[in-house]
Amino acid sequence: MNNIPENKSARRDSRLLDEKDIRLLQVRRGREMSGIPPQAPPGGRSGLPAKQIAERDGGRRERLRVKRFRQAFTARRVGKAIVILACAALALRQAKRATKVFPYPQVTLQVEEYASFPTNTLYTMNEGAGTRAPAFTFCPKPSVKAAFAGDVDSVIAKGSTIAEEFRNVSVPLRDMVLEAPSPGMSFEGNSTVNGETTYHIWSDGGHWSERTFWGMNFNHPLGGFYFKCFTLFLNEDMLTGWLKTCRAYYFTFDFKAIRNSTKAQVGRIHSTRDKGLALHFCEYSMQMEVFVHDQREQFTTLGFFEPEQIVLLNDTLTSLWIRPEIVQKQSKKEDPCILDEDYSYTRGELREVERLSDVGVRQCMENCFWERMQADPNLPCLNPDLLPKEARVTKQGCRDAVSERHHLMTLVNTYTDASLNASVHARACGCPKRCNVTDYRIFADPTSVCRRDLADSVGDGKAILVFGFPSKRVPQFLEKEKVNLVDLLSNIGGIVGICLGASLITLFDIMEQVYFSLRHKLYQQRNEILPDGKH
């Protein structure tokens, strides 16, 4: 066995084989020469050329390395998935219900807080030399210049209505208001629509509005009485700060215009209460109700409008300080508002827009009240003198006192329902409030200097109202959104990040990995070679 001849092929192969393969080759050739049958080499090696053996062994080692890598990667994935699921369960538990360790479900609280639209109020003080003039509304009671001797029966006999009798004896604007801040009493014309008369002030200085209202009084057989209100809208700004003169801003009223109607009516009411429906227009002595409010909100007697109010009496001088407060609110889902400066909540029109085209006009709030009232099939007629100029009249006017009485009783019930359930009425009309509102706070003048300077002007049935704006600083309340969408995502991300260690980058990596994994499997299925029987 030691003298094994070597031919050229053996020498050529020996260069390519290692020592172990050479020994195996020698053993195999020795067996062939001695007549011993060939046996498989030990270790499972076949008699292949050295190059094929090397390629085969290299492929085995590569497959083994890939297999071990896949096993390790799979184990890592499984462990990571277990950790992620455990942390996700912890985060979900923290989000849905409280525990002893975490007494409050933080994620749920964050979402609920954002859904409730919380706000912070920023208080600032703006300083200026002028401010927008407020609207002043004056309602004399009674609003008639002479007593009416009669009752409902006499009106029925004449074929007239109570509204017509009130119109004949009601006090006009010029008789009741003698002086107003310039140019408040310089008229250049008037116009009347429905029950509202507009007196235009000279040189576009503003206008007066005169309206008839129905006052609620449940002790009255008809449930109330007619009265008038006059509202001044000035287009000029008013000076702020202390003014040296008391005659800068003041009103003068003449109570003699309604003096003749008071004693006769008040005495007659109580004597005829049980004998019939006495026709009277007030149960109070002479007085003037004064309201100070934003010019963008017209005066109304419905319950959703509540401006600052004072009462003036005959032969008195009243000095007031007025402080405007600007409130800018945020529109909320449960309490929406409108930023349009020309919009009026009390009597404005809200256009419904769909796909950049108007699909309807929604009347707000008093106009909506009259529309709902006229929709009542049991309403026989309507007094148009009570309607504002924007309202649409769909019912015929009352032509006799009997139908008017029915109309007034229906008005009392509807008015009471709208006043007591103002929120329900607002939702039914679908009219949001204004976001930017100016409130006027009224204070009594503590110095009373004007009482001495204007003492000679008071008396003989006259009453004077002096007002001013003592401070140049105007407070402003600005509502700001406390939690926006970015804050919500940041807060939730912080809570989830503590439990999962996740971030936007991590989520992006996960999505990217899922995408490429699915894409690889999809292409692998497309490139797979199927056997002949599965085509």
Protein backbone atom coordinates (compact mmCIF):
# COMPACT_ATOMS: atom_id res chain seq x y z
CA MET A 1 0.00 0.00 0.00
CA ASN A 2 3.01 2.22 0.39
CA ASN A 3 4.06 1.84 -3.29
CA ILE A 4 0.98 3.30 -4.98
CA PRO A 5 1.75 4.45 -8.48
CA GLU A 6 0.85 7.97 -9.26
CA ASN A 7 -0.33 8.89 -12.72
CA LYS A 8 -0.76 12.37 -14.14
CA SER A 9 -4.42 12.64 -13.19
CA ALA A 10 -3.62 11.75 -9.59
CA ARG A 11 -0.90 14.36 -9.45
CA ARG A 12 -3.27 16.95 -10.95
CA ASP A 13 -5.97 16.13 -8.42
CA SER A 14 -3.54 16.10 -5.52
CA ARG A 15 -2.79 19.74 -6.06
CA LEU A 16 -6.46 20.57 -5.49
CA LEU A 17 -7.07 18.35 -2.50
CA ASP A 18 -6.09 18.75 1.07
CA GLU A 19 -4.23 16.10 3.10
CA LYS A 20 -7.37 14.38 4.27
CA ASP A 21 -8.73 14.00 0.77
CA ILE A 22 -5.33 12.68 -0.43
CA ARG A 23 -5.41 9.94 2.20
CA LEU A 24 -8.91 8.99 1.21
CA LEU A 25 -7.90 8.86 -2.42
CA GLN A 26 -4.91 6.63 -1.62
CA VAL A 27 -7.10 4.27 0.39
CA ARG A 28 -9.60 3.98 -2.44
CA ARG A 29 -6.91 3.26 -5.07
CA GLY A 30 -5.21 0.71 -2.83
CA ARG A 31 -8.46 -1.16 -2.44
CA GLU A 32 -8.98 -1.18 -6.18
CA MET A 33 -5.49 -2.66 -6.86
CA SER A 34 -5.82 -5.32 -4.14
CA GLY A 35 -9.24 -6.47 -5.41
CA ILE A 36 -11.16 -5.21 -2.31
CA PRO A 37 -14.61 -3.77 -3.22
CA PRO A 38 -14.78 -0.01 -2.91
CA GLN A 39 -16.42 1.35 0.19
CA ALA A 40 -17.87 4.73 0.91
CA PRO A 41 -15.28 6.94 2.42
CA PRO A 42 -15.66 7.72 6.08
CA GLY A 43 -17.57 10.84 7.09
CA GLY A 44 -20.12 10.48 4.28
CA ARG A 45 -17.75 11.82 1.59
CA SER A 46 -18.36 10.68 -1.95
CA GLY A 47 -15.83 10.29 -4.64
CA LEU A 48 -16.42 13.70 -6.21
CA PRO A 49 -13.87 16.02 -7.66
CA ALA A 50 -12.30 18.39 -5.19
CA LYS A 51 -13.92 21.45 -6.76
CA GLN A 52 -17.44 20.05 -6.40
CA ILE A 53 -16.72 18.97 -2.86
CA ALA A 54 -15.52 22.44 -1.99
CA GLU A 55 -18.60 24.02 -3.56
CA ARG A 56 -20.86 21.62 -1.78
CA ASP A 57 -19.26 22.23 1.60
CA GLY A 58 -19.36 26.01 1.08
CA GLY A 59 -23.07 25.91 0.27
CA ARG A 60 -23.73 23.85 3.37
CA ARG A 61 -21.88 26.29 5.56
CA GLU A 62 -23.77 29.25 4.00
CA ARG A 63 -27.13 27.58 4.49
CA LEU A 64 -26.24 26.73 8.04
CA ARG A 65 -25.23 30.35 8.69
CA VAL A 66 -28.47 31.68 7.17
CA LYS A 67 -30.51 29.18 9.16
CA ARG A 68 -28.90 30.20 12.44
CA PHE A 69 -29.37 33.89 11.57
CA ARG A 70 -33.04 33.34 10.81
CA GLN A 71 -33.56 31.47 14.05
CA ALA A 72 -31.91 34.25 16.03
CA PHE A 73 -33.89 36.94 14.14
CA THR A 74 -37.15 35.07 14.68
CA ALA A 75 -36.46 34.73 18.37
CA ARG A 76 -35.68 38.46 18.53
CA ARG A 77 -38.92 39.28 16.74
CA VAL A 78 -40.96 37.08 19.04
CA GLY A 79 -39.40 38.63 22.12
CA LYS A 80 -39.92 42.14 20.78
CA ALA A 81 -43.55 41.34 19.92
CA ILE A 82 -44.15 40.01 23.43
CA VAL A 83 -42.71 43.18 24.96
CA ILE A 84 -44.74 45.42 22.63
CA LEU A 85 -47.98 43.53 23.34
CA ALA A 86 -47.37 43.68 27.08
CA CYS A 87 -46.66 47.41 26.98
CA ALA A 88 -49.63 48.01 24.67
CA ALA A 89 -51.87 46.15 27.11
CA LEU A 90 -50.50 48.32 29.91
CA ALA A 91 -51.09 51.49 27.88
CA LEU A 92 -54.60 50.37 26.94
CA ARG A 93 -55.34 49.56 30.54
CA GLN A 94 -54.06 52.98 31.49
CA ALA A 95 -56.18 54.59 28.78
CA LYS A 96 -59.47 52.89 29.61
CA ARG A 97 -59.66 52.61 33.37
CA ALA A 98 -57.90 53.68 36.47
CA THR A 99 -55.64 51.49 38.57
CA LYS A 100 -54.04 51.79 41.96
CA VAL A 101 -50.75 52.76 40.42
CA PHE A 102 -52.36 55.16 37.93
CA PRO A 103 -55.50 56.57 39.63
CA TYR A 104 -56.69 58.41 36.50
CA PRO A 105 -57.00 57.15 32.89
CA GLN A 106 -54.68 59.74 31.39
CA VAL A 107 -55.26 59.07 27.68
CA THR A 108 -59.04 59.15 28.09
CA LEU A 109 -58.81 62.35 30.09
CA GLN A 110 -56.68 63.95 27.39
CA VAL A 111 -59.19 63.07 24.67
CA GLU A 112 -62.17 64.18 26.75
CA GLU A 113 -60.48 67.45 27.60
CA TYR A 114 -59.80 68.13 23.94
CA ALA A 115 -63.38 67.22 22.98
CA SER A 116 -64.80 69.62 25.59
CA PHE A 117 -62.84 72.49 23.94
CA PRO A 118 -61.40 74.08 27.09
CA THR A 119 -60.31 77.70 26.88
CA ASN A 120 -58.10 80.10 28.76
CA THR A 121 -59.14 83.71 29.23
CA LEU A 122 -56.52 86.35 28.56
CA TYR A 123 -57.20 89.66 30.28
CA THR A 124 -55.65 92.75 28.72
CA MET A 125 -56.13 96.49 29.12
CA ASN A 126 -56.26 98.62 25.98
CA GLU A 127 -55.88 102.37 26.21
CA GLY A 128 -57.41 104.82 23.76
CA ALA A 129 -58.87 108.31 23.54
CA GLY A 130 -62.23 107.16 22.18
CA THR A 131 -64.70 104.30 22.15
CA ARG A 132 -67.60 103.23 20.00
CA ALA A 133 -70.86 104.80 21.13
CA PRO A 134 -73.26 102.34 22.73
CA ALA A 135 -76.91 102.10 21.78
CA PHE A 136 -79.37 103.80 24.18
CA THR A 137 -82.94 102.52 24.38
CA PHE A 138 -85.63 104.51 26.24
CA CYS A 139 -89.00 102.95 27.08
CA PRO A 140 -91.46 105.40 28.72
CA LYS A 141 -94.25 103.77 30.69
CA PRO A 142 -96.98 104.64 30.03
CA SER A 143 -96.22 105.53 26.43
CA VAL A 144 -99.39 107.53 25.79
CA LYS A 145 -99.88 111.28 25.89
CA ALA A 146 -103.53 111.20 27.01
CA ALA A 147 -105.79 108.94 28.98
CA PHE A 148 -108.26 106.85 27.04
CA ALA A 149 -111.76 106.83 28.46
CA GLY A 150 -113.27 103.50 27.51
CA ASP A 151 -112.97 99.76 27.57
CA VAL A 152 -112.81 96.86 25.14
CA ASP A 153 -116.57 96.96 24.59
CA SER A 154 -116.40 100.53 23.37
CA VAL A 155 -113.59 99.61 20.99
CA ILE A 156 -115.63 96.71 19.66
CA ALA A 157 -118.60 98.99 19.15
CA LYS A 158 -116.47 101.36 17.11
CA GLY A 159 -115.15 98.48 14.98
CA SER A 160 -111.59 99.39 15.93
CA THR A 161 -108.71 97.59 17.61
CA ILE A 162 -106.72 98.27 20.76
CA ALA A 163 -103.59 98.75 18.63
CA GLU A 164 -105.30 101.51 16.63
CA GLU A 165 -106.37 103.29 19.82
CA PHE A 166 -102.84 103.05 21.18
CA ARG A 167 -101.45 104.38 17.90
CA ASN A 168 -103.70 107.43 18.17
CA VAL A 169 -102.67 108.34 21.73
CA SER A 170 -99.03 107.13 21.84
CA VAL A 171 -96.31 109.65 22.53
CA PRO A 172 -94.00 110.49 19.58
CA LEU A 173 -90.20 110.60 19.77
CA ARG A 174 -89.84 114.38 19.51
CA ASP A 175 -92.29 115.00 22.36
CA MET A 176 -90.55 112.59 24.73
CA VAL A 177 -86.86 113.23 23.97
CA LEU A 178 -85.92 116.91 23.95
CA GLU A 179 -82.11 116.75 23.81
CA ALA A 180 -79.55 114.10 22.88
CA PRO A 181 -75.79 113.97 22.21
CA SER A 182 -74.97 115.79 19.00
CA PRO A 183 -76.17 115.27 16.31
CA GLY A 184 -78.82 113.03 17.85
CA MET A 185 -81.83 115.28 17.23
CA SER A 186 -81.01 116.52 13.72
CA PHE A 187 -83.35 114.50 11.51
CA GLU A 188 -83.46 114.48 7.71
CA GLY A 189 -86.26 112.00 7.07
CA ASN A 190 -87.96 108.83 8.30
CA SER A 191 -89.29 105.54 6.98
CA THR A 192 -91.69 102.94 8.40
CA VAL A 193 -91.67 99.18 7.76
CA ASN A 194 -94.07 96.93 9.72
CA GLY A 195 -94.15 98.39 13.22
CA GLU A 196 -90.71 100.03 13.18
CA THR A 197 -90.08 103.66 12.24
CA THR A 198 -86.52 104.78 11.47
CA TYR A 199 -85.54 108.45 11.87
CA HIS A 200 -82.37 109.19 9.92
CA ILE A 201 -79.90 111.62 11.50
CA TRP A 202 -78.42 114.37 9.38
CA SER A 203 -75.13 113.73 7.54
CA ASP A 204 -75.16 109.98 8.21
CA GLY A 205 -74.71 110.56 11.92
CA GLY A 206 -76.81 107.54 12.84
CA HIS A 207 -80.51 106.93 13.31
CA TRP A 208 -83.33 106.52 15.82
CA SER A 209 -85.56 103.44 15.91
CA GLU A 210 -89.14 103.66 17.23
CA ARG A 211 -91.02 100.44 17.96
CA THR A 212 -94.15 99.24 19.69
CA PHE A 213 -93.89 96.36 22.16
CA TRP A 214 -96.26 94.29 24.25
CA GLY A 215 -95.48 94.37 27.96
CA MET A 216 -96.17 91.27 30.00
CA ASN A 217 -98.47 91.72 33.00
CA PHE A 218 -100.34 88.65 34.23
CA ASN A 219 -102.56 90.77 36.50
CA HIS A 220 -104.00 92.47 33.43
CA PRO A 221 -107.09 90.84 31.87
CA LEU A 222 -105.38 90.86 28.45
CA GLY A 223 -102.06 89.67 29.88
CA GLY A 224 -100.18 92.91 29.22
CA PHE A 225 -100.19 96.37 27.60
CA TYR A 226 -98.74 98.26 24.66
CA PHE A 227 -95.75 100.57 25.10
CA LYS A 228 -93.11 102.24 22.93
CA CYS A 229 -89.32 102.23 22.92
CA PHE A 230 -86.88 104.62 21.22
CA THR A 231 -83.32 103.52 20.43
CA LEU A 232 -80.46 105.83 19.41
CA PHE A 233 -77.63 104.52 17.22
CA LEU A 234 -74.82 107.07 16.80
CA ASN A 235 -72.12 106.49 14.20
CA GLU A 236 -69.55 108.69 15.96
CA ASP A 237 -67.03 107.60 18.59
CA MET A 238 -67.26 109.07 22.07
CA LEU A 239 -64.39 110.54 24.05
CA THR A 240 -63.07 108.65 27.05
CA GLY A 241 -61.45 110.02 30.17
CA TRP A 242 -62.64 112.65 32.59
CA LEU A 243 -64.52 115.53 30.89
CA LYS A 244 -64.56 118.95 32.53
CA THR A 245 -68.11 119.73 31.43
CA CYS A 246 -71.31 117.91 32.30
CA ARG A 247 -73.00 118.91 29.04
CA ALA A 248 -70.80 116.78 26.80
CA TYR A 249 -73.04 113.71 26.76
CA TYR A 250 -76.55 113.96 28.17
CA PHE A 251 -80.26 113.39 27.39
CA THR A 252 -83.23 115.50 28.41
CA PHE A 253 -86.70 113.94 28.65
CA ASP A 254 -90.06 115.64 28.98
CA PHE A 255 -92.36 113.68 31.27
CA LYS A 256 -95.13 116.21 30.67
CA ALA A 257 -95.81 114.36 27.44
CA ILE A 258 -97.18 111.40 29.42
CA ARG A 259 -98.26 113.17 32.61
CA ASN A 260 -101.92 113.53 31.58
CA SER A 261 -102.28 109.78 31.06
CA THR A 262 -101.08 108.60 34.45
CA LYS A 263 -103.47 109.62 37.21
CA ALA A 264 -106.64 108.92 35.27
CA GLN A 265 -105.53 105.47 34.11
CA VAL A 266 -103.95 104.22 37.33
CA GLY A 267 -106.97 105.26 39.40
CA ARG A 268 -109.36 103.80 36.88
CA ILE A 269 -107.64 100.42 36.63
CA HIS A 270 -108.36 99.34 40.15
CA SER A 271 -111.94 100.56 40.11
CA THR A 272 -112.85 98.67 36.93
CA ARG A 273 -110.79 95.52 37.34
CA ASP A 274 -113.78 93.40 38.31
CA LYS A 275 -116.33 95.12 36.08
CA GLY A 276 -114.88 94.49 32.65
CA LEU A 277 -111.78 94.70 30.48
CA ALA A 278 -110.64 98.24 31.09
CA LEU A 279 -108.55 99.62 28.26
CA HIS A 280 -105.31 100.92 29.77
CA PHE A 281 -101.68 100.82 28.76
CA CYS A 282 -99.71 100.66 32.02
CA GLU A 283 -100.18 100.01 35.73
CA TYR A 284 -97.22 102.06 36.91
CA SER A 285 -96.60 105.69 37.65
CA MET A 286 -94.49 107.67 35.20
CA GLN A 287 -91.07 106.20 34.65
CA MET A 288 -88.48 105.72 31.93
CA GLU A 289 -86.61 102.46 31.51
CA VAL A 290 -83.14 102.99 30.03
CA PHE A 291 -81.07 100.22 28.43
CA VAL A 292 -77.42 100.50 27.36
CA HIS A 293 -76.27 97.83 24.92
CA ASP A 294 -74.11 97.03 21.91
CA GLN A 295 -75.17 98.76 18.70
CA ARG A 296 -74.89 95.52 16.77
CA GLU A 297 -77.68 93.99 18.87
CA GLN A 298 -81.05 95.69 18.44
CA PHE A 299 -83.33 96.01 21.43
CA THR A 300 -86.01 93.43 22.06
CA THR A 301 -88.13 92.44 25.04
CA LEU A 302 -87.61 88.70 24.61
CA GLY A 303 -85.81 86.90 27.41
CA PHE A 304 -82.60 86.10 25.52
CA PHE A 305 -81.63 89.83 25.43
CA GLU A 306 -80.57 91.22 28.82
CA PRO A 307 -78.67 94.53 28.61
CA GLU A 308 -77.76 96.88 31.46
CA GLN A 309 -80.83 98.72 32.73
CA ILE A 310 -81.70 101.72 34.92
CA VAL A 311 -84.98 103.52 35.68
CA LEU A 312 -85.47 107.31 35.46
CA LEU A 313 -88.23 109.16 37.29
CA ASN A 314 -89.81 112.54 36.76
CA ASP A 315 -87.91 115.68 37.89
CA THR A 316 -84.65 113.82 38.54
CA LEU A 317 -81.03 114.09 37.41
CA THR A 318 -79.05 110.91 36.98
CA SER A 319 -75.30 110.79 36.35
CA LEU A 320 -73.77 107.56 35.10
CA TRP A 321 -70.34 106.20 34.35
CA ILE A 322 -70.13 103.68 31.55
CA ARG A 323 -67.27 101.23 31.10
CA PRO A 324 -67.14 99.15 27.92
CA GLU A 325 -65.75 95.63 28.12
CA ILE A 326 -64.73 93.80 24.95
CA VAL A 327 -65.25 90.03 25.01
CA GLN A 328 -63.85 87.82 22.25
CA LYS A 329 -65.02 84.24 22.58
CA GLN A 330 -63.99 81.06 20.83
CA SER A 331 -66.52 79.15 18.77
CA LYS A 332 -67.20 75.77 20.39
CA LYS A 333 -69.08 72.72 19.22
CA GLU A 334 -71.61 72.96 22.03
CA ASP A 335 -71.69 76.78 22.00
CA PRO A 336 -70.91 78.02 18.48
CA CYS A 337 -70.54 81.68 17.60
CA ILE A 338 -69.99 83.83 14.50
CA LEU A 339 -67.10 86.22 13.83
CA ASP A 340 -69.01 88.35 11.32
CA GLU A 341 -69.13 91.91 12.69
CA ASP A 342 -72.30 92.73 10.72
CA TYR A 343 -74.23 89.80 12.14
CA SER A 344 -76.91 90.42 14.79
CA TYR A 345 -78.03 87.67 17.13
CA THR A 346 -81.31 89.37 18.05
CA ARG A 347 -82.55 90.33 14.59
CA GLY A 348 -79.97 89.30 12.02
CA GLU A 349 -80.15 87.01 9.03
CA LEU A 350 -77.98 83.92 8.74
CA ARG A 351 -77.45 82.63 5.22
CA GLU A 352 -77.17 78.88 4.84
CA VAL A 353 -74.41 78.10 2.33
CA GLU A 354 -73.93 74.77 0.58
CA ARG A 355 -71.27 74.33 -2.10
CA LEU A 356 -70.61 78.06 -2.37
CA SER A 357 -74.26 78.90 -3.06
CA ASP A 358 -77.00 80.26 -0.82
CA VAL A 359 -79.67 77.65 -0.09
CA GLY A 360 -81.74 79.70 2.34
CA VAL A 361 -81.88 82.52 4.85
CA ARG A 362 -82.35 81.78 8.53
CA GLN A 363 -84.03 84.50 10.60
CA CYS A 364 -82.56 85.17 14.05
CA MET A 365 -83.88 85.37 16.98
CA GLU A 366 -86.83 87.79 17.26
CA ASN A 367 -87.64 87.36 13.58
CA CYS A 368 -87.57 83.60 14.15
CA PHE A 369 -89.95 84.10 17.09
CA TRP A 370 -92.48 85.86 14.87
CA GLU A 371 -92.14 83.23 12.14
CA ARG A 372 -92.85 80.44 14.60
CA MET A 373 -95.79 82.35 16.03
CA GLN A 374 -97.32 83.00 12.61
CA ALA A 375 -96.97 79.28 11.84
CA ASP A 376 -99.53 78.54 14.58
CA PRO A 377 -102.72 77.43 12.78
CA ASN A 378 -104.84 78.58 15.74
CA LEU A 379 -103.64 82.19 15.43
CA PRO A 380 -106.53 84.14 13.82
CA CYS A 381 -104.59 87.31 12.97
CA LEU A 382 -101.49 89.34 13.82
CA ASN A 383 -100.81 92.93 14.80
CA PRO A 384 -98.07 94.08 12.37
CA ASP A 385 -97.23 97.02 14.64
CA LEU A 386 -95.33 94.60 16.89
CA LEU A 387 -93.07 93.27 14.15
CA PRO A 388 -89.58 94.63 13.36
CA LYS A 389 -88.75 95.84 9.88
CA GLU A 390 -86.92 92.62 8.89
CA ALA A 391 -89.77 90.25 9.80
CA ARG A 392 -91.93 88.67 7.11
CA VAL A 393 -95.69 89.05 7.60
CA THR A 394 -97.62 85.94 6.59
CA LYS A 395 -100.79 86.48 8.67
CA GLN A 396 -103.46 89.05 8.02
CA GLY A 397 -103.78 91.98 10.40
CA CYS A 398 -106.36 92.01 13.17
CA ARG A 399 -109.40 94.03 12.12
CA ASP A 400 -111.45 93.91 15.32
CA ALA A 401 -110.83 93.84 19.04
CA VAL A 402 -112.17 90.30 19.50
CA SER A 403 -109.65 88.67 17.14
CA GLU A 404 -106.94 90.99 18.48
CA ARG A 405 -107.67 89.81 22.01
CA HIS A 406 -107.22 86.19 20.87
CA HIS A 407 -103.98 87.20 19.18
CA LEU A 408 -102.70 88.90 22.36
CA MET A 409 -103.51 85.88 24.53
CA THR A 410 -101.59 83.65 22.11
CA LEU A 411 -98.75 86.16 22.18
CA VAL A 412 -98.62 85.97 25.98
CA ASN A 413 -98.27 82.17 25.93
CA THR A 414 -95.68 82.17 23.13
CA TYR A 415 -93.74 85.00 24.69
CA THR A 416 -93.67 83.24 28.07
CA ASP A 417 -92.46 80.00 26.50
CA ALA A 418 -89.71 81.80 24.53
CA SER A 419 -88.57 83.76 27.61
CA LEU A 420 -88.57 80.85 30.05
CA ASN A 421 -87.02 78.45 27.54
CA ALA A 422 -84.61 80.78 25.77
CA SER A 423 -82.09 78.00 25.14
CA VAL A 424 -84.73 75.75 23.56
CA HIS A 425 -85.91 78.64 21.39
CA ALA A 426 -82.32 79.36 20.34
CA ARG A 427 -81.72 75.74 19.31
CA ALA A 428 -85.00 75.65 17.39
CA CYS A 429 -84.02 78.76 15.45
CA GLY A 430 -80.45 77.53 14.94
CA CYS A 431 -78.91 80.96 15.41
CA PRO A 432 -75.44 81.16 17.00
CA LYS A 433 -74.35 84.13 19.05
CA ARG A 434 -71.67 86.61 18.10
CA CYS A 435 -68.07 85.83 19.07
CA ASN A 436 -67.07 89.47 19.56
CA VAL A 437 -69.33 91.27 22.02
CA THR A 438 -69.05 94.63 23.76
CA ASP A 439 -70.69 94.78 27.18
CA TYR A 440 -71.34 98.11 28.84
CA ARG A 441 -71.14 98.25 32.61
CA ILE A 442 -73.05 101.04 34.35
CA PHE A 443 -71.92 102.69 37.60
CA ALA A 444 -73.31 105.61 39.54
CA ASP A 445 -71.19 108.75 39.45
CA PRO A 446 -69.77 109.04 42.99
CA THR A 447 -68.84 112.74 42.68
CA SER A 448 -72.28 114.09 41.68
CA VAL A 449 -70.68 117.28 40.37
CA CYS A 450 -73.27 117.45 37.60
CA ARG A 451 -76.08 117.65 40.15
CA ARG A 452 -74.82 121.09 41.13
CA ASP A 453 -74.10 122.29 37.59
CA LEU A 454 -77.40 121.11 36.10
CA ALA A 455 -79.69 121.67 39.07
CA ASP A 456 -81.41 124.60 37.35
CA SER A 457 -82.33 122.46 34.34
CA VAL A 458 -84.24 119.85 36.37
CA GLY A 459 -87.89 120.31 37.21
CA ASP A 460 -91.14 121.20 35.51
CA GLY A 461 -91.57 117.64 34.27
CA LYS A 462 -88.03 117.26 32.93
CA ALA A 463 -85.50 114.56 33.70
CA ILE A 464 -81.82 114.60 32.71
CA LEU A 465 -79.50 111.65 32.13
CA VAL A 466 -75.78 112.50 32.11
CA PHE A 467 -73.24 109.86 31.18
CA GLY A 468 -69.54 109.58 30.42
CA PHE A 469 -66.60 107.24 30.07
CA PRO A 470 -64.25 108.14 32.95
CA SER A 471 -61.39 105.80 32.01
CA LYS A 472 -59.37 105.65 28.80
CA ARG A 473 -58.49 102.04 29.53
CA VAL A 474 -60.84 99.47 28.06
CA PRO A 475 -60.58 95.91 29.44
CA GLN A 476 -60.55 93.10 26.91
CA PHE A 477 -61.27 89.45 27.61
CA LEU A 478 -59.84 87.14 24.97
CA GLU A 479 -60.68 83.44 25.03
CA LYS A 480 -57.95 81.20 23.68
CA GLU A 481 -57.97 77.52 22.93
CA LYS A 482 -56.34 75.67 25.81
CA VAL A 483 -55.70 72.33 24.09
CA ASN A 484 -55.36 72.15 20.32
CA LEU A 485 -54.76 69.11 18.14
CA VAL A 486 -50.97 69.43 18.32
CA ASP A 487 -51.10 69.54 22.13
CA LEU A 488 -53.36 66.47 22.20
CA LEU A 489 -50.99 64.47 20.00
CA SER A 490 -48.00 65.59 22.06
CA ASN A 491 -49.65 64.62 25.36
CA ILE A 492 -50.81 61.23 24.10
CA GLY A 493 -47.41 60.66 22.50
CA GLY A 494 -45.71 61.36 25.80
CA ILE A 495 -47.96 58.91 27.67
CA VAL A 496 -47.64 56.18 25.05
CA GLY A 497 -43.92 56.83 24.67
CA ILE A 498 -43.34 56.09 28.34
CA CYS A 499 -44.99 52.67 27.99
CA LEU A 500 -43.90 51.70 24.47
CA GLY A 501 -40.92 53.87 23.75
CA ALA A 502 -42.66 54.70 20.49
CA SER A 503 -42.41 57.85 18.41
CA LEU A 504 -43.38 59.00 14.97
CA ILE A 505 -40.07 57.73 13.62
CA THR A 506 -40.72 54.33 15.18
CA LEU A 507 -44.18 54.17 13.70
CA PHE A 508 -42.73 55.09 10.31
CA ASP A 509 -40.13 52.32 10.59
CA ILE A 510 -42.79 49.77 11.50
CA MET A 511 -44.97 50.79 8.57
CA GLU A 512 -41.99 50.70 6.24
CA GLN A 513 -40.99 47.23 7.44
CA VAL A 514 -44.52 45.88 7.02
CA TYR A 515 -44.70 47.35 3.53
CA PHE A 516 -41.44 45.81 2.33
CA SER A 517 -42.26 42.45 3.92
CA LEU A 518 -45.56 42.26 2.09
CA ARG A 519 -43.94 43.43 -1.10
CA HIS A 520 -41.21 40.75 -0.83
CA LYS A 521 -43.76 37.97 -0.28
CA LEU A 522 -45.86 39.23 -3.16
CA TYR A 523 -42.95 39.24 -5.62
CA GLN A 524 -41.75 35.87 -4.30
CA GLN A 525 -45.14 34.36 -5.09
CA ARG A 526 -45.09 35.87 -8.58
CA ASN A 527 -41.59 34.46 -9.37
CA GLU A 528 -42.23 30.96 -7.98
CA ILE A 529 -41.72 28.07 -10.50
CA LEU A 530 -44.65 25.72 -10.34
CA PRO A 531 -44.49 22.01 -11.29
CA ASP A 532 -46.05 20.88 -14.53
CA GLY A 533 -49.14 19.56 -12.80
CA LYS A 534 -49.99 22.87 -11.10
CA HIS A 535 -49.97 25.11 -14.14
